[in-house]
């Protein structure tokens, strides 16, 4: 897993691939806003051809859930919303990326999350993100105060479907 801080493009001087699809929206910084963000990401993925019960949809929805929960719990600034951006880019591999931006600058999550002590009921969200995402990181927000926590899920290369098998002889 690659957890590079402040990385927003694949490598210096290499432009990020142009998204094939994009969804972006602001949400109220509340549990209701977090739930709506998670549901809309899942719905958008389904409409893009990643079914609700498919691996990509379930994985990225869970990652989104953890990131928006953290934005509401740890990144909340009174009167400010959080922003979710979902993209799918082509290439090899095709990539689904979710970005969650909040306006709290001083609370940056650690890039190497630690297991919480004992039987704590919280504190495992970034461990889940780290295990499920192909890579993830934290970057300063470019257009104002705050930060963006993003995660990518690399999709396996699509294999072409085999040609249909004819049940009738060619010379019939």
C-alpha atoms as a PDB file:
ATOM      1  CA  UNK A   1       0.000   0.000   0.000  1.00  0.00           C
ATOM      2  CA  UNK A   2       1.227   3.451  -0.912  1.00  0.00           C
ATOM      3  CA  UNK A   3       0.420   6.146   1.669  1.00  0.00           C
ATOM      4  CA  UNK A   4       2.147   9.206   0.270  1.00  0.00           C
ATOM      5  CA  UNK A   5       1.364  12.524   1.931  1.00  0.00           C
ATOM      6  CA  UNK A   6       0.428  15.511  -0.228  1.00  0.00           C
ATOM      7  CA  UNK A   7       0.267  13.410  -3.399  1.00  0.00           C
ATOM      8  CA  UNK A   8      -2.443  14.400  -5.819  1.00  0.00           C
ATOM      9  CA  UNK A   9      -1.023  13.118  -9.126  1.00  0.00           C
ATOM     10  CA  UNK A  10       0.650   9.812 -10.055  1.00  0.00           C
ATOM     11  CA  UNK A  11       4.196  11.259 -10.144  1.00  0.00           C
ATOM     12  CA  UNK A  12       5.796  14.699 -10.413  1.00  0.00           C
ATOM     13  CA  UNK A  13       5.346  16.053 -13.923  1.00  0.00           C
ATOM     14  CA  UNK A  14       2.871  13.330 -14.911  1.00  0.00           C
ATOM     15  CA  UNK A  15      -0.687  14.643 -15.227  1.00  0.00           C
ATOM     16  CA  UNK A  16      -3.508  12.780 -13.520  1.00  0.00           C
ATOM     17  CA  UNK A  17      -5.676  10.955 -16.070  1.00  0.00           C
ATOM     18  CA  UNK A  18      -8.814  12.836 -17.013  1.00  0.00           C
ATOM     19  CA  UNK A  19     -11.835  11.325 -15.259  1.00  0.00           C
ATOM     20  CA  UNK A  20     -14.206   9.296 -17.387  1.00  0.00           C
ATOM     21  CA  UNK A  21     -16.910  10.017 -14.847  1.00  0.00           C
ATOM     22  CA  UNK A  22     -17.193  12.406 -11.926  1.00  0.00           C
ATOM     23  CA  UNK A  23     -19.627  13.094  -9.105  1.00  0.00           C
ATOM     24  CA  UNK A  24     -19.108  15.883  -6.573  1.00  0.00           C
ATOM     25  CA  UNK A  25     -21.345  17.302  -3.863  1.00  0.00           C
ATOM     26  CA  UNK A  26     -21.266  19.186  -0.556  1.00  0.00           C
ATOM     27  CA  UNK A  27     -22.954  17.701   2.500  1.00  0.00           C
ATOM     28  CA  UNK A  28     -23.887  19.044   5.905  1.00  0.00           C
ATOM     29  CA  UNK A  29     -21.345  18.039   8.516  1.00  0.00           C
ATOM     30  CA  UNK A  30     -23.711  15.750  10.406  1.00  0.00           C
ATOM     31  CA  UNK A  31     -24.463  12.050  10.713  1.00  0.00           C
ATOM     32  CA  UNK A  32     -27.345  12.606   8.292  1.00  0.00           C
ATOM     33  CA  UNK A  33     -24.972  14.222   5.773  1.00  0.00           C
ATOM     34  CA  UNK A  34     -22.521  11.324   6.168  1.00  0.00           C
ATOM     35  CA  UNK A  35     -25.271   8.763   5.565  1.00  0.00           C
ATOM     36  CA  UNK A  36     -26.503  10.641   2.472  1.00  0.00           C
ATOM     37  CA  UNK A  37     -22.942  10.891   1.081  1.00  0.00           C
ATOM     38  CA  UNK A  38     -22.408   7.149   1.503  1.00  0.00           C
ATOM     39  CA  UNK A  39     -25.724   6.317  -0.155  1.00  0.00           C
ATOM     40  CA  UNK A  40     -25.189   8.672  -3.095  1.00  0.00           C
ATOM     41  CA  UNK A  41     -21.687   7.309  -3.728  1.00  0.00           C
ATOM     42  CA  UNK A  42     -23.074   3.765  -3.770  1.00  0.00           C
ATOM     43  CA  UNK A  43     -25.926   4.812  -6.068  1.00  0.00           C
ATOM     44  CA  UNK A  44     -23.565   6.646  -8.427  1.00  0.00           C
ATOM     45  CA  UNK A  45     -21.229   3.637  -8.608  1.00  0.00           C
ATOM     46  CA  UNK A  46     -24.199   1.422  -9.454  1.00  0.00           C
ATOM     47  CA  UNK A  47     -25.269   3.809 -12.232  1.00  0.00           C
ATOM     48  CA  UNK A  48     -21.681   3.700 -13.578  1.00  0.00           C
ATOM     49  CA  UNK A  49     -21.873  -0.091 -13.926  1.00  0.00           C
ATOM     50  CA  UNK A  50     -20.493  -1.159 -10.530  1.00  0.00           C
ATOM     51  CA  UNK A  51     -23.485  -3.040  -9.034  1.00  0.00           C
ATOM     52  CA  UNK A  52     -24.497  -2.511  -5.408  1.00  0.00           C
ATOM     53  CA  UNK A  53     -23.451  -6.043  -4.460  1.00  0.00           C
ATOM     54  CA  UNK A  54     -20.230  -5.980  -6.493  1.00  0.00           C
ATOM     55  CA  UNK A  55     -16.777  -5.816  -4.944  1.00  0.00           C
ATOM     56  CA  UNK A  56     -15.950  -2.311  -6.209  1.00  0.00           C
ATOM     57  CA  UNK A  57     -19.208  -0.768  -4.977  1.00  0.00           C
ATOM     58  CA  UNK A  58     -19.161  -2.453  -1.574  1.00  0.00           C
ATOM     59  CA  UNK A  59     -15.473  -1.652  -1.002  1.00  0.00           C
ATOM     60  CA  UNK A  60     -15.574   1.987  -2.079  1.00  0.00           C
ATOM     61  CA  UNK A  61     -18.850   2.572  -0.204  1.00  0.00           C
ATOM     62  CA  UNK A  62     -17.243   1.260   2.994  1.00  0.00           C
ATOM     63  CA  UNK A  63     -14.153   3.433   2.422  1.00  0.00           C
ATOM     64  CA  UNK A  64     -16.417   6.447   1.812  1.00  0.00           C
ATOM     65  CA  UNK A  65     -18.357   5.667   4.971  1.00  0.00           C
ATOM     66  CA  UNK A  66     -15.179   5.700   7.066  1.00  0.00           C
ATOM     67  CA  UNK A  67     -13.841   8.897   5.478  1.00  0.00           C
ATOM     68  CA  UNK A  68     -17.087  10.860   5.820  1.00  0.00           C
ATOM     69  CA  UNK A  69     -17.555   9.655   9.397  1.00  0.00           C
ATOM     70  CA  UNK A  70     -14.088  11.010  10.184  1.00  0.00           C
ATOM     71  CA  UNK A  71     -14.897  14.298   8.435  1.00  0.00           C
ATOM     72  CA  UNK A  72     -18.015  14.692  10.589  1.00  0.00           C
ATOM     73  CA  UNK A  73     -16.408  13.543  13.839  1.00  0.00           C
ATOM     74  CA  UNK A  74     -12.885  14.973  13.593  1.00  0.00           C
ATOM     75  CA  UNK A  75     -13.026  17.533  10.769  1.00  0.00           C
ATOM     76  CA  UNK A  76     -16.208  19.359  11.703  1.00  0.00           C
ATOM     77  CA  UNK A  77     -16.082  23.142  11.889  1.00  0.00           C
ATOM     78  CA  UNK A  78     -19.335  24.766  12.964  1.00  0.00           C
ATOM     79  CA  UNK A  79     -21.262  26.106   9.984  1.00  0.00           C
ATOM     80  CA  UNK A  80     -19.033  24.382   7.415  1.00  0.00           C
ATOM     81  CA  UNK A  81     -19.892  21.464   5.143  1.00  0.00           C
ATOM     82  CA  UNK A  82     -17.715  18.639   3.884  1.00  0.00           C
ATOM     83  CA  UNK A  83     -17.254  17.854   0.215  1.00  0.00           C
ATOM     84  CA  UNK A  84     -17.161  14.468  -1.536  1.00  0.00           C
ATOM     85  CA  UNK A  85     -15.723  13.931  -4.997  1.00  0.00           C
ATOM     86  CA  UNK A  86     -15.922  10.550  -6.725  1.00  0.00           C
ATOM     87  CA  UNK A  87     -14.114   9.865  -9.993  1.00  0.00           C
ATOM     88  CA  UNK A  88     -13.470   6.959 -12.299  1.00  0.00           C
ATOM     89  CA  UNK A  89     -10.488   7.149 -14.627  1.00  0.00           C
ATOM     90  CA  UNK A  90      -9.485   4.871 -17.457  1.00  0.00           C
ATOM     91  CA  UNK A  91      -6.074   3.434 -18.061  1.00  0.00           C
ATOM     92  CA  UNK A  92      -4.362   0.450 -16.623  1.00  0.00           C
ATOM     93  CA  UNK A  93      -5.584  -0.020 -14.008  1.00  0.00           C
ATOM     94  CA  UNK A  94      -8.941   1.721 -14.128  1.00  0.00           C
ATOM     95  CA  UNK A  95      -9.251   3.651 -10.889  1.00  0.00           C
ATOM     96  CA  UNK A  96     -12.112   4.655  -8.635  1.00  0.00           C
ATOM     97  CA  UNK A  97     -11.139   7.520  -6.334  1.00  0.00           C
ATOM     98  CA  UNK A  98     -13.059   9.133  -3.505  1.00  0.00           C
ATOM     99  CA  UNK A  99     -11.962  12.419  -1.942  1.00  0.00           C
ATOM    100  CA  UNK A 100     -13.459  13.811   1.268  1.00  0.00           C
ATOM    101  CA  UNK A 101     -12.597  17.421   2.061  1.00  0.00           C
ATOM    102  CA  UNK A 102     -13.279  19.206   5.335  1.00  0.00           C
ATOM    103  CA  UNK A 103     -12.257  22.639   6.608  1.00  0.00           C
ATOM    104  CA  UNK A 104     -10.344  21.614   9.728  1.00  0.00           C
ATOM    105  CA  UNK A 105      -6.625  22.124   9.160  1.00  0.00           C
ATOM    106  CA  UNK A 106      -5.113  21.200  12.518  1.00  0.00           C
ATOM    107  CA  UNK A 107      -6.526  17.654  12.780  1.00  0.00           C
ATOM    108  CA  UNK A 108      -4.672  15.621  10.163  1.00  0.00           C
ATOM    109  CA  UNK A 109      -5.058  11.845  10.371  1.00  0.00           C
ATOM    110  CA  UNK A 110      -1.896   9.758  10.709  1.00  0.00           C
ATOM    111  CA  UNK A 111      -0.790   8.002   7.540  1.00  0.00           C
ATOM    112  CA  UNK A 112       0.199   4.942   9.538  1.00  0.00           C
ATOM    113  CA  UNK A 113      -2.924   4.319  11.645  1.00  0.00           C
ATOM    114  CA  UNK A 114      -2.453   2.373  14.849  1.00  0.00           C
ATOM    115  CA  UNK A 115      -4.731  -0.231  16.372  1.00  0.00           C
ATOM    116  CA  UNK A 116      -6.600   1.415  19.273  1.00  0.00           C
ATOM    117  CA  UNK A 117      -5.797   0.019  22.711  1.00  0.00           C
ATOM    118  CA  UNK A 118      -8.023  -2.569  24.354  1.00  0.00           C
ATOM    119  CA  UNK A 119     -11.626  -2.962  23.346  1.00  0.00           C
ATOM    120  CA  UNK A 120     -12.230   0.598  22.159  1.00  0.00           C
ATOM    121  CA  UNK A 121     -15.303   0.846  19.946  1.00  0.00           C
ATOM    122  CA  UNK A 122     -13.845   3.558  17.707  1.00  0.00           C
ATOM    123  CA  UNK A 123     -10.508   4.383  16.136  1.00  0.00           C
ATOM    124  CA  UNK A 124     -10.340   1.676  13.489  1.00  0.00           C
ATOM    125  CA  UNK A 125     -11.717   3.594  10.493  1.00  0.00           C
ATOM    126  CA  UNK A 126      -8.378   4.436   8.906  1.00  0.00           C
ATOM    127  CA  UNK A 127      -7.167   0.878   9.493  1.00  0.00           C
ATOM    128  CA  UNK A 128     -10.117  -0.267   7.401  1.00  0.00           C
ATOM    129  CA  UNK A 129      -9.323   2.315   4.712  1.00  0.00           C
ATOM    130  CA  UNK A 130      -5.635   1.305   4.687  1.00  0.00           C
ATOM    131  CA  UNK A 131      -6.505  -2.370   4.230  1.00  0.00           C
ATOM    132  CA  UNK A 132      -9.176  -1.902   1.562  1.00  0.00           C
ATOM    133  CA  UNK A 133      -7.758   0.905  -0.577  1.00  0.00           C
ATOM    134  CA  UNK A 134      -5.132   0.374  -3.247  1.00  0.00           C
ATOM    135  CA  UNK A 135      -3.594   3.584  -1.903  1.00  0.00           C
ATOM    136  CA  UNK A 136      -4.686   6.551   0.178  1.00  0.00           C
ATOM    137  CA  UNK A 137      -3.268   9.777   1.555  1.00  0.00           C
ATOM    138  CA  UNK A 138      -3.969  13.180   3.036  1.00  0.00           C
ATOM    139  CA  UNK A 139      -3.373  16.441   1.177  1.00  0.00           C
ATOM    140  CA  UNK A 140      -3.868  20.066   2.189  1.00  0.00           C
ATOM    141  CA  UNK A 141      -6.982  21.643   0.729  1.00  0.00           C
ATOM    142  CA  UNK A 142      -5.918  23.796  -2.220  1.00  0.00           C
ATOM    143  CA  UNK A 143      -8.766  26.317  -2.241  1.00  0.00           C
ATOM    144  CA  UNK A 144      -9.039  27.172   1.439  1.00  0.00           C
ATOM    145  CA  UNK A 145      -8.407  25.907   4.946  1.00  0.00           C
ATOM    146  CA  UNK A 146      -8.659  22.214   5.632  1.00  0.00           C
ATOM    147  CA  UNK A 147      -7.571  18.934   4.139  1.00  0.00           C
ATOM    148  CA  UNK A 148      -8.598  16.252   1.705  1.00  0.00           C
ATOM    149  CA  UNK A 149      -8.370  12.584   2.592  1.00  0.00           C
ATOM    150  CA  UNK A 150      -8.525  10.459  -0.530  1.00  0.00           C
ATOM    151  CA  UNK A 151      -8.486   6.775  -1.333  1.00  0.00           C
ATOM    152  CA  UNK A 152      -8.197   4.878  -4.596  1.00  0.00           C
ATOM    153  CA  UNK A 153      -9.411   1.468  -5.591  1.00  0.00           C
ATOM    154  CA  UNK A 154      -7.680  -0.034  -8.600  1.00  0.00           C
ATOM    155  CA  UNK A 155      -9.961  -2.218 -10.686  1.00  0.00           C
ATOM    156  CA  UNK A 156      -8.665  -5.376 -12.309  1.00  0.00           C
ATOM    157  CA  UNK A 157      -8.194  -5.209 -16.057  1.00  0.00           C
ATOM    158  CA  UNK A 158     -11.262  -6.232 -17.949  1.00  0.00           C
ATOM    159  CA  UNK A 159     -10.867  -9.431 -19.901  1.00  0.00           C
ATOM    160  CA  UNK A 160     -12.772  -9.572 -23.156  1.00  0.00           C
ATOM    161  CA  UNK A 161     -15.728 -11.906 -23.159  1.00  0.00           C
ATOM    162  CA  UNK A 162     -15.158 -15.127 -25.104  1.00  0.00           C
ATOM    163  CA  UNK A 163     -16.974 -15.326 -28.445  1.00  0.00           C
ATOM    164  CA  UNK A 164     -20.393 -16.956 -28.240  1.00  0.00           C
ATOM    165  CA  UNK A 165     -20.465 -20.655 -28.949  1.00  0.00           C
ATOM    166  CA  UNK A 166     -22.779 -21.548 -31.796  1.00  0.00           C
ATOM    167  CA  UNK A 167     -25.016 -24.541 -31.268  1.00  0.00           C
ATOM    168  CA  UNK A 168     -25.474 -24.984 -34.998  1.00  0.00           C
ATOM    169  CA  UNK A 169     -22.867 -26.182 -37.492  1.00  0.00           C
ATOM    170  CA  UNK A 170     -21.447 -23.458 -39.771  1.00  0.00           C
ATOM    171  CA  UNK A 171     -22.566 -25.222 -42.966  1.00  0.00           C
ATOM    172  CA  UNK A 172     -26.109 -26.110 -41.935  1.00  0.00           C
END
